[in-house]
């Protein structure tokens, strides 16, 4: 009698144990199936990752412009390269029904890795944007802030930013040359000329930030 009691007493425990093992195996198989099912998912997500990588690069450039770590010339150079990558990506997608092949994704990733290294190097070299506490310097600083905000918000594409920063670079070079020729100062006529050029640059910044082009569309 005692044997029968212990036998029927142990039966629920055995069933419970088997259920626990089965649950553990199901959980284990579910977690182990994640990588295999994740492979197609990660492939599908790759275009999003390409776009996210581009967005991250633009955010880093915007921060460099805002902080003064990137000069106008450095920014123009970086954005020219980013625009080239974007153009190549658009062409590849157009040729493949809106998608990128695995090889094309790898190529884009290599190019973005290279650009990422250049962004870091440019932000940490000895070149910085110093405009000084004067009206001309403040105007240039304000323009850079507006450009940085446009990059950050996505209102400015890489190509647009490159053109705007090339314009700023040319103004900066002119100011540098004028100061060098005049003992570190600008004449009233030179200040007027710089202000006139910055007025034109200001309109360009506004127009490019408010046109139909955005980073998402490019």
Protein backbone atom coordinates (compact mmCIF):
# COMPACT_ATOMS: atom_id res chain seq x y z
CA UNK A 1 0.00 0.00 0.00
CA UNK A 2 2.81 2.33 0.82
CA UNK A 3 4.41 1.46 -2.51
CA UNK A 4 1.27 2.42 -4.41
CA UNK A 5 0.95 5.67 -2.51
CA UNK A 6 4.53 6.71 -3.26
CA UNK A 7 4.07 5.70 -6.88
CA UNK A 8 0.97 7.86 -7.41
CA UNK A 9 2.49 10.63 -5.34
CA UNK A 10 5.57 10.76 -7.59
CA UNK A 11 3.55 10.74 -10.83
CA UNK A 12 2.49 14.45 -10.77
CA UNK A 13 6.07 15.39 -9.94
CA UNK A 14 7.32 13.41 -12.93
CA UNK A 15 4.75 15.03 -15.22
CA UNK A 16 5.71 18.45 -13.90
CA UNK A 17 9.39 17.70 -14.47
CA UNK A 18 8.75 16.58 -18.06
CA UNK A 19 6.72 19.70 -18.70
CA UNK A 20 9.52 21.86 -17.37
CA UNK A 21 12.06 20.12 -19.61
CA UNK A 22 9.78 20.53 -22.64
CA UNK A 23 9.29 24.21 -21.86
CA UNK A 24 13.04 24.69 -21.52
CA UNK A 25 13.63 22.95 -24.85
CA UNK A 26 11.00 25.12 -26.52
CA UNK A 27 12.58 28.22 -25.09
CA UNK A 28 16.01 27.02 -26.13
CA UNK A 29 14.89 26.18 -29.66
CA UNK A 30 13.19 29.57 -29.90
CA UNK A 31 16.35 31.38 -28.97
CA UNK A 32 18.51 29.19 -31.16
CA UNK A 33 16.23 29.77 -34.13
CA UNK A 34 16.68 33.53 -33.82
CA UNK A 35 20.01 33.62 -35.70
CA UNK A 36 18.69 31.47 -38.58
CA UNK A 37 15.48 33.47 -38.85
CA UNK A 38 17.49 36.60 -38.16
CA UNK A 39 19.60 36.16 -41.26
CA UNK A 40 16.84 37.06 -43.72
CA UNK A 41 15.61 39.75 -41.32
CA UNK A 42 19.03 41.36 -41.15
CA UNK A 43 19.26 41.25 -44.93
CA UNK A 44 15.90 42.96 -45.19
CA UNK A 45 17.00 45.54 -42.64
CA UNK A 46 20.21 46.34 -44.48
CA UNK A 47 18.76 49.21 -46.55
CA UNK A 48 17.56 50.74 -43.30
CA UNK A 49 21.01 50.24 -41.83
CA UNK A 50 22.56 51.96 -44.86
CA UNK A 51 20.24 54.92 -44.31
CA UNK A 52 20.94 54.93 -40.57
CA UNK A 53 24.69 54.90 -41.19
CA UNK A 54 24.32 57.89 -43.51
CA UNK A 55 22.24 59.70 -40.90
CA UNK A 56 24.83 58.99 -38.22
CA UNK A 57 27.62 60.38 -40.40
CA UNK A 58 25.61 63.54 -41.02
CA UNK A 59 25.03 63.93 -37.30
CA UNK A 60 28.76 63.68 -36.62
CA UNK A 61 29.52 66.25 -39.32
CA UNK A 62 26.85 68.58 -37.96
CA UNK A 63 28.35 68.36 -34.48
CA UNK A 64 31.80 69.12 -35.90
CA UNK A 65 30.51 72.18 -37.74
CA UNK A 66 28.65 73.40 -34.66
CA UNK A 67 31.64 72.92 -32.34
CA UNK A 68 34.13 74.45 -34.77
CA UNK A 69 36.13 71.21 -34.99
CA UNK A 70 35.43 71.11 -38.72
CA UNK A 71 36.39 74.04 -40.91
CA UNK A 72 34.25 75.00 -43.90
CA UNK A 73 36.81 73.44 -46.24
CA UNK A 74 36.90 70.16 -44.31
CA UNK A 75 33.10 70.02 -44.19
CA UNK A 76 32.81 70.69 -47.92
CA UNK A 77 35.27 67.88 -48.64
CA UNK A 78 33.47 65.42 -46.35
CA UNK A 79 30.06 66.27 -47.75
CA UNK A 80 31.30 65.95 -51.33
CA UNK A 81 32.34 62.38 -50.52
CA UNK A 82 29.06 61.67 -48.72
CA UNK A 83 27.14 63.01 -51.73
CA UNK A 84 29.14 60.69 -54.02
CA UNK A 85 28.25 57.67 -51.84
CA UNK A 86 24.60 58.72 -51.85
CA UNK A 87 24.63 59.08 -55.64
CA UNK A 88 26.18 55.65 -56.07
CA UNK A 89 23.60 54.12 -53.70
CA UNK A 90 20.73 55.72 -55.64
CA UNK A 91 22.09 54.42 -58.93
CA UNK A 92 22.55 50.89 -57.55
CA UNK A 93 19.01 50.84 -56.17
CA UNK A 94 17.58 52.15 -59.44
CA UNK A 95 19.35 49.33 -61.28
CA UNK A 96 18.06 46.65 -58.88
CA UNK A 97 14.39 47.47 -58.41
CA UNK A 98 14.95 49.72 -55.41
CA UNK A 99 17.22 47.33 -53.52
CA UNK A 100 20.93 46.89 -52.93
CA UNK A 101 22.69 43.58 -53.51
CA UNK A 102 24.79 42.07 -50.73
CA UNK A 103 27.96 43.12 -52.54
CA UNK A 104 26.68 46.68 -52.97
CA UNK A 105 25.86 46.89 -49.27
CA UNK A 106 29.39 45.77 -48.43
CA UNK A 107 30.80 48.36 -50.79
CA UNK A 108 28.73 51.15 -49.21
CA UNK A 109 29.82 50.00 -45.77
CA UNK A 110 33.49 50.09 -46.77
CA UNK A 111 33.09 53.58 -48.17
CA UNK A 112 31.30 54.77 -45.04
CA UNK A 113 34.03 53.23 -42.86
CA UNK A 114 36.62 55.21 -44.77
CA UNK A 115 34.57 58.39 -44.50
CA UNK A 116 34.01 57.75 -40.80
CA UNK A 117 37.77 57.65 -40.26
CA UNK A 118 38.18 60.90 -42.16
CA UNK A 119 35.46 62.59 -40.10
CA UNK A 120 37.30 61.56 -36.95
CA UNK A 121 40.69 62.72 -38.27
CA UNK A 122 39.33 66.07 -39.46
CA UNK A 123 37.55 66.69 -36.15
CA UNK A 124 40.70 65.93 -34.14
CA UNK A 125 43.41 67.61 -36.19
CA UNK A 126 44.87 71.06 -35.53
CA UNK A 127 42.47 72.81 -37.92
CA UNK A 128 39.56 74.50 -36.19
CA UNK A 129 37.12 77.24 -37.14
CA UNK A 130 38.02 80.42 -35.25
CA UNK A 131 36.13 83.53 -36.28
CA UNK A 132 36.99 86.00 -33.54
CA UNK A 133 34.85 88.42 -31.54
CA UNK A 134 33.95 90.82 -34.30
CA UNK A 135 31.03 91.44 -36.61
CA UNK A 136 32.56 89.60 -39.58
CA UNK A 137 33.55 86.64 -37.41
CA UNK A 138 30.16 86.48 -35.73
CA UNK A 139 28.40 86.48 -39.08
CA UNK A 140 30.48 83.55 -40.28
CA UNK A 141 29.86 81.71 -36.99
CA UNK A 142 26.11 82.23 -37.37
CA UNK A 143 26.17 80.86 -40.91
CA UNK A 144 27.95 77.72 -39.71
CA UNK A 145 25.36 77.25 -36.97
CA UNK A 146 22.55 77.49 -39.54
CA UNK A 147 24.29 74.98 -41.80
CA UNK A 148 24.89 72.62 -38.86
CA UNK A 149 21.22 72.82 -37.92
CA UNK A 150 20.22 72.05 -41.52
CA UNK A 151 22.47 68.98 -41.58
CA UNK A 152 21.15 67.80 -38.24
CA UNK A 153 17.49 68.24 -39.20
CA UNK A 154 17.94 66.62 -42.62
CA UNK A 155 16.88 69.79 -44.44
CA UNK A 156 20.27 69.98 -46.17
CA UNK A 157 21.50 67.13 -48.33
CA UNK A 158 25.20 66.29 -48.47
CA UNK A 159 25.46 67.89 -51.91
CA UNK A 160 23.77 71.09 -50.76
CA UNK A 161 25.97 71.28 -47.68
CA UNK A 162 29.08 70.82 -49.80
CA UNK A 163 28.11 73.78 -52.01
CA UNK A 164 27.27 76.00 -49.03
CA UNK A 165 30.51 75.16 -47.25
CA UNK A 166 32.56 75.76 -50.38
CA UNK A 167 30.98 79.21 -50.52
CA UNK A 168 31.91 79.79 -46.87
CA UNK A 169 35.43 78.50 -47.50
CA UNK A 170 35.90 81.02 -50.31
CA UNK A 171 34.69 83.86 -48.09
CA UNK A 172 36.99 82.73 -45.30
CA UNK A 173 39.97 82.62 -47.65
CA UNK A 174 39.17 86.10 -48.91
CA UNK A 175 38.93 87.45 -45.35
CA UNK A 176 42.22 85.78 -44.47
CA UNK A 177 43.97 87.25 -47.50
CA UNK A 178 42.54 90.74 -46.86
CA UNK A 179 43.62 90.67 -43.22
CA UNK A 180 47.07 89.46 -44.18
CA UNK A 181 47.43 92.37 -46.61
CA UNK A 182 46.27 94.94 -44.05
CA UNK A 183 48.12 94.06 -40.87
CA UNK A 184 45.41 91.73 -39.56
CA UNK A 185 42.50 94.09 -40.17
CA UNK A 186 39.79 94.62 -42.75
CA UNK A 187 39.13 97.98 -44.38
CA UNK A 188 35.55 99.35 -44.33
CA UNK A 189 35.26 98.49 -48.02
CA UNK A 190 36.39 94.92 -47.39
CA UNK A 191 33.91 94.53 -44.54
CA UNK A 192 31.12 95.71 -46.82
CA UNK A 193 32.21 93.24 -49.47
CA UNK A 194 32.26 90.34 -46.98
CA UNK A 195 28.84 91.35 -45.68
CA UNK A 196 27.46 91.45 -49.23
CA UNK A 197 28.82 87.97 -49.92
CA UNK A 198 27.41 86.64 -46.65
CA UNK A 199 24.00 88.09 -47.55
CA UNK A 200 24.13 86.01 -50.72
CA UNK A 201 25.27 82.95 -48.76
CA UNK A 202 22.49 83.51 -46.24
CA UNK A 203 19.87 83.40 -48.99
CA UNK A 204 21.42 80.22 -50.35
CA UNK A 205 21.26 78.59 -46.92
CA UNK A 206 17.62 79.54 -46.51
CA UNK A 207 16.62 78.40 -50.00
CA UNK A 208 18.39 75.05 -49.73
CA UNK A 209 16.91 74.39 -46.28
CA UNK A 210 13.39 75.09 -47.54
CA UNK A 211 13.37 73.43 -50.94
CA UNK A 212 11.94 69.96 -51.68
CA UNK A 213 15.27 68.21 -51.21
CA UNK A 214 15.95 66.46 -47.92
CA UNK A 215 18.42 63.82 -46.77
CA UNK A 216 15.60 61.29 -46.82
CA UNK A 217 14.83 61.99 -50.47
CA UNK A 218 18.47 61.81 -51.46
